[in-house]
Amino acid sequence: MKTPNCLKLLLGALLLTGCVTSHQSAGPTAQTQTQTRETQATITPSQALTLLKDGNARFVSGQMLHRDLRQEVLRTSSGQYPLAVVVSCLDSRVPAELIFDQGLGDIFNGRVAGNVVNEDILGSLEFATKVSGAKLIVVMGHTSCGAIKGACDDVQLGNLTALLARIKPAVDSVQTEPGEMRSSKNSAFVEKVAEANVHHALKTIRTQSPILNEMIEKGQVGLVGANYDLGTGKVTFFSE
């Protein structure tokens, strides 16, 4: 007997909101749901974060969900209802949809070297949340970031110079011991700057976008920082 469409929608909403979970024992052949206006409306910021954490756990364990990308193209052609927006680095090894095991239409992804936040990114975040209904903003850096290293070394190169200048506040904020190298040759320093850069971006979102700050204060949208480990595939989240 065929399942009524209304029941399918309800089951999809329950799965996405955590009322019904898909265990890893289902393996990579488990089917996925596509975000709809209805499912997006039921998701809270904390639930959106949980969905990303669960997706990354699947990615790390190699138990990603099976996706029919062609069907996802068709299902999302008339609209998009992402649960979150991720600001991440341009680095080719950090594709947010893959590392969070999400499908087409599930997350917005703003990518720029060094995951810096400027007016264009702020406008994009305002669109993603206020207009399109995303419930969570994630700013994600990563280990061994070339942009961070460039900022630490004060690299000068065309338009890249201005971009790296946006990372300099993070470089300057990291304290070091007397005589300790403050360059890309000091990997520990680089990773501290990468995390400081994420914190700086979170602060920029709060202070330079009254729209986003109000939504965050009202609990309509969540805001978290994250760091992706190139060596393990694991994402570690942290608060502002």
Protein backbone atom coordinates (compact mmCIF):
# COMPACT_ATOMS: atom_id res chain seq x y z
CA MET A 1 0.00 0.00 0.00
CA LYS A 2 1.36 3.41 -0.95
CA THR A 3 2.17 5.88 1.82
CA PRO A 4 0.02 9.07 1.61
CA ASN A 5 1.97 12.19 0.66
CA CYS A 6 0.99 13.94 3.90
CA LEU A 7 2.45 11.07 5.94
CA LYS A 8 5.66 11.17 3.90
CA LEU A 9 5.98 14.89 4.66
CA LEU A 10 5.39 14.31 8.36
CA LEU A 11 7.98 11.54 8.52
CA GLY A 12 10.46 13.74 6.71
CA ALA A 13 9.89 16.57 9.17
CA LEU A 14 10.32 14.24 12.14
CA LEU A 15 13.56 12.86 10.72
CA LEU A 16 15.04 16.31 10.14
CA THR A 17 14.02 17.69 13.54
CA GLY A 18 15.51 14.78 15.44
CA CYS A 19 12.21 13.19 16.54
CA VAL A 20 13.11 10.24 14.34
CA THR A 21 16.78 9.47 13.83
CA SER A 22 18.58 7.54 11.14
CA HIS A 23 21.15 5.24 12.77
CA GLN A 24 24.51 4.59 11.17
CA SER A 25 23.51 0.92 10.97
CA ALA A 26 21.34 1.96 8.04
CA GLY A 27 24.64 2.53 6.24
CA PRO A 28 25.36 4.65 3.20
CA THR A 29 22.29 3.30 1.39
CA ALA A 30 19.91 5.23 3.69
CA GLN A 31 17.66 7.62 1.79
CA THR A 32 17.63 11.32 2.59
CA GLN A 33 15.00 14.02 2.71
CA THR A 34 15.19 17.36 0.92
CA GLN A 35 14.59 20.50 2.94
CA THR A 36 11.16 22.04 2.38
CA ARG A 37 9.48 25.19 3.67
CA GLU A 38 7.65 23.04 6.23
CA THR A 39 10.70 21.18 7.54
CA GLN A 40 12.80 24.34 7.66
CA ALA A 41 10.13 26.06 9.75
CA THR A 42 10.22 23.30 12.38
CA ILE A 43 13.99 23.34 12.90
CA THR A 44 15.47 25.35 15.77
CA PRO A 45 19.03 26.76 15.75
CA SER A 46 20.19 24.08 18.19
CA GLN A 47 18.62 21.32 16.09
CA ALA A 48 20.31 22.70 12.97
CA LEU A 49 23.64 22.51 14.80
CA THR A 50 22.94 18.93 15.84
CA LEU A 51 22.17 17.99 12.24
CA LEU A 52 25.52 19.41 11.11
CA LYS A 53 27.36 17.62 13.94
CA ASP A 54 25.68 14.34 13.04
CA GLY A 55 26.52 14.85 9.38
CA ASN A 56 30.17 15.46 10.16
CA ALA A 57 30.25 12.34 12.33
CA ARG A 58 28.98 10.35 9.35
CA PHE A 59 31.63 11.94 7.13
CA VAL A 60 34.44 11.12 9.56
CA SER A 61 33.27 7.51 9.92
CA GLY A 62 32.76 7.03 6.19
CA GLN A 63 29.04 6.38 6.65
CA MET A 64 27.68 9.18 4.46
CA LEU A 65 24.06 8.95 3.39
CA HIS A 66 23.25 7.82 -0.12
CA ARG A 67 21.99 10.73 -2.22
CA ASP A 68 20.30 10.79 -5.59
CA LEU A 69 21.72 14.15 -6.68
CA ARG A 70 19.65 14.21 -9.85
CA GLN A 71 16.47 13.91 -7.80
CA GLU A 72 17.73 16.61 -5.44
CA VAL A 73 18.21 18.90 -8.44
CA LEU A 74 14.61 18.31 -9.46
CA ARG A 75 13.21 18.66 -5.95
CA THR A 76 15.00 21.96 -5.30
CA SER A 77 14.46 23.55 -8.71
CA SER A 78 11.40 25.47 -7.53
CA GLY A 79 12.87 26.79 -4.27
CA GLN A 80 15.44 26.42 -1.51
CA TYR A 81 14.99 26.14 2.25
CA PRO A 82 18.45 25.58 3.82
CA LEU A 83 18.77 24.92 7.53
CA ALA A 84 22.10 26.74 7.96
CA VAL A 85 24.65 29.01 6.32
CA VAL A 86 28.37 28.22 6.55
CA VAL A 87 31.10 30.79 5.96
CA SER A 88 34.18 28.77 5.12
CA CYS A 89 37.53 29.06 3.41
CA LEU A 90 38.20 28.88 -0.32
CA ASP A 91 40.49 25.88 0.29
CA SER A 92 39.61 23.03 -2.09
CA ARG A 93 39.82 20.53 0.76
CA VAL A 94 37.03 22.15 2.79
CA PRO A 95 33.73 21.69 0.89
CA ALA A 96 31.07 22.30 3.54
CA GLU A 97 28.34 20.21 1.91
CA LEU A 98 30.58 17.16 1.90
CA ILE A 99 32.13 17.43 5.34
CA PHE A 100 28.70 17.97 6.90
CA ASP A 101 27.15 15.27 4.69
CA GLN A 102 24.41 17.56 3.39
CA GLY A 103 22.60 17.54 0.07
CA LEU A 104 21.52 20.11 -2.46
CA GLY A 105 19.38 22.78 -0.84
CA ASP A 106 20.40 21.91 2.74
CA ILE A 107 22.96 24.64 3.49
CA PHE A 108 24.16 27.94 2.11
CA ASN A 109 27.93 28.04 1.72
CA GLY A 110 29.83 31.32 1.49
CA ARG A 111 33.48 30.62 0.62
CA VAL A 112 36.31 33.11 0.67
CA ALA A 113 40.02 32.73 1.43
CA GLY A 114 40.58 32.89 5.17
CA ASN A 115 36.80 32.78 5.84
CA VAL A 116 36.88 36.53 6.33
CA VAL A 117 33.68 38.50 6.84
CA ASN A 118 33.21 41.68 4.82
CA GLU A 119 30.15 43.64 3.65
CA ASP A 120 29.44 41.16 0.86
CA ILE A 121 29.47 38.22 3.26
CA LEU A 122 27.32 40.13 5.77
CA GLY A 123 24.79 40.87 3.06
CA SER A 124 24.80 37.23 2.04
CA LEU A 125 24.22 36.14 5.65
CA GLU A 126 21.34 38.59 5.98
CA PHE A 127 19.79 37.13 2.83
CA ALA A 128 20.34 33.54 3.98
CA THR A 129 18.68 34.10 7.36
CA LYS A 130 16.26 37.03 7.23
CA VAL A 131 15.01 36.35 3.71
CA SER A 132 15.54 32.62 3.17
CA GLY A 133 15.01 31.30 6.70
CA ALA A 134 18.30 29.59 7.61
CA LYS A 135 18.44 28.98 11.37
CA LEU A 136 22.18 28.81 12.01
CA ILE A 137 25.32 30.72 11.02
CA VAL A 138 28.62 28.84 11.18
CA VAL A 139 31.98 30.52 10.60
CA MET A 140 34.49 27.75 9.96
CA GLY A 141 38.24 27.97 9.73
CA HIS A 142 40.60 25.05 9.18
CA THR A 143 44.04 23.77 10.01
CA SER A 144 47.07 24.75 7.90
CA CYS A 145 45.16 27.58 6.25
CA GLY A 146 47.17 29.26 3.49
CA ALA A 147 45.42 32.60 3.97
CA ILE A 148 46.22 32.57 7.68
CA LYS A 149 49.84 31.76 6.90
CA GLY A 150 49.94 34.59 4.37
CA ALA A 151 48.62 37.05 6.94
CA CYS A 152 51.16 35.83 9.51
CA ASP A 153 53.94 36.42 6.96
CA ASP A 154 52.51 39.77 5.81
CA VAL A 155 52.30 38.62 2.19
CA GLN A 156 51.75 41.33 -0.42
CA LEU A 157 50.15 40.24 -3.70
CA GLY A 158 47.67 42.27 -5.73
CA ASN A 159 44.13 42.21 -4.39
CA LEU A 160 45.10 39.46 -1.97
CA THR A 161 46.89 42.10 0.11
CA ALA A 162 43.62 43.76 1.12
CA LEU A 163 42.00 40.41 1.92
CA LEU A 164 44.86 39.33 4.17
CA ALA A 165 44.68 42.69 5.93
CA ARG A 166 41.30 41.57 7.29
CA ILE A 167 43.09 38.73 9.09
CA LYS A 168 45.76 40.97 10.65
CA PRO A 169 43.64 41.82 13.73
CA ALA A 170 43.61 38.11 14.56
CA VAL A 171 47.37 37.89 14.04
CA ASP A 172 47.95 40.85 16.33
CA SER A 173 45.63 39.48 19.03
CA VAL A 174 47.57 36.23 19.55
CA GLN A 175 50.13 36.48 22.34
CA THR A 176 53.49 34.70 22.08
CA GLU A 177 56.43 34.14 24.34
CA PRO A 178 59.48 36.41 23.95
CA GLY A 179 61.50 35.21 20.99
CA GLU A 180 58.77 32.88 19.70
CA MET A 181 58.31 32.99 15.94
CA ARG A 182 55.24 34.84 14.71
CA SER A 183 55.26 33.44 11.19
CA SER A 184 53.95 30.51 9.17
CA LYS A 185 56.98 28.51 10.30
CA ASN A 186 55.38 28.27 13.75
CA SER A 187 52.45 25.89 13.21
CA ALA A 188 51.11 26.36 16.74
CA PHE A 189 50.99 30.12 16.17
CA VAL A 190 49.19 29.63 12.84
CA GLU A 191 46.47 27.50 14.45
CA LYS A 192 45.96 30.02 17.26
CA VAL A 193 45.58 32.79 14.68
CA ALA A 194 43.08 30.66 12.72
CA GLU A 195 40.86 30.31 15.79
CA ALA A 196 41.25 33.98 16.67
CA ASN A 197 40.25 34.84 13.11
CA VAL A 198 37.00 32.92 13.51
CA HIS A 199 36.27 34.72 16.78
CA HIS A 200 36.98 38.02 15.05
CA ALA A 201 34.52 37.09 12.28
CA LEU A 202 31.83 36.22 14.83
CA LYS A 203 32.31 39.59 16.48
CA THR A 204 32.14 41.34 13.11
CA ILE A 205 28.81 39.67 12.39
CA ARG A 206 27.44 40.90 15.70
CA THR A 207 28.76 44.45 15.51
CA GLN A 208 28.38 45.25 11.82
CA SER A 209 24.96 43.74 11.10
CA PRO A 210 22.12 45.00 13.31
CA ILE A 211 19.79 42.66 11.40
CA LEU A 212 21.79 39.55 12.26
CA ASN A 213 22.51 40.65 15.81
CA GLU A 214 18.82 41.16 16.51
CA MET A 215 17.93 37.73 15.14
CA ILE A 216 20.69 36.15 17.23
CA GLU A 217 19.58 37.99 20.38
CA LYS A 218 15.98 36.83 19.86
CA GLY A 219 17.10 33.22 19.41
CA GLN A 220 15.80 33.10 15.86
CA VAL A 221 19.27 32.32 14.51
CA GLY A 222 22.25 30.62 16.13
CA LEU A 223 25.87 31.74 15.71
CA VAL A 224 28.84 29.43 16.26
CA GLY A 225 32.47 29.13 15.29
CA ALA A 226 34.13 25.97 14.04
CA ASN A 227 37.45 24.54 12.97
CA TYR A 228 37.96 21.79 10.41
CA ASP A 229 40.91 19.43 10.78
CA LEU A 230 42.38 18.62 7.37
CA GLY A 231 44.04 15.52 8.77
CA THR A 232 40.98 13.86 10.31
CA GLY A 233 37.95 15.42 8.64
CA LYS A 234 36.53 16.35 12.03
CA VAL A 235 34.84 19.67 12.74
CA THR A 236 35.16 21.11 16.24
CA PHE A 237 32.57 23.71 17.20
CA PHE A 238 32.99 26.50 19.73
CA SER A 239 30.90 29.39 20.98
CA GLU A 240 31.50 33.09 20.45
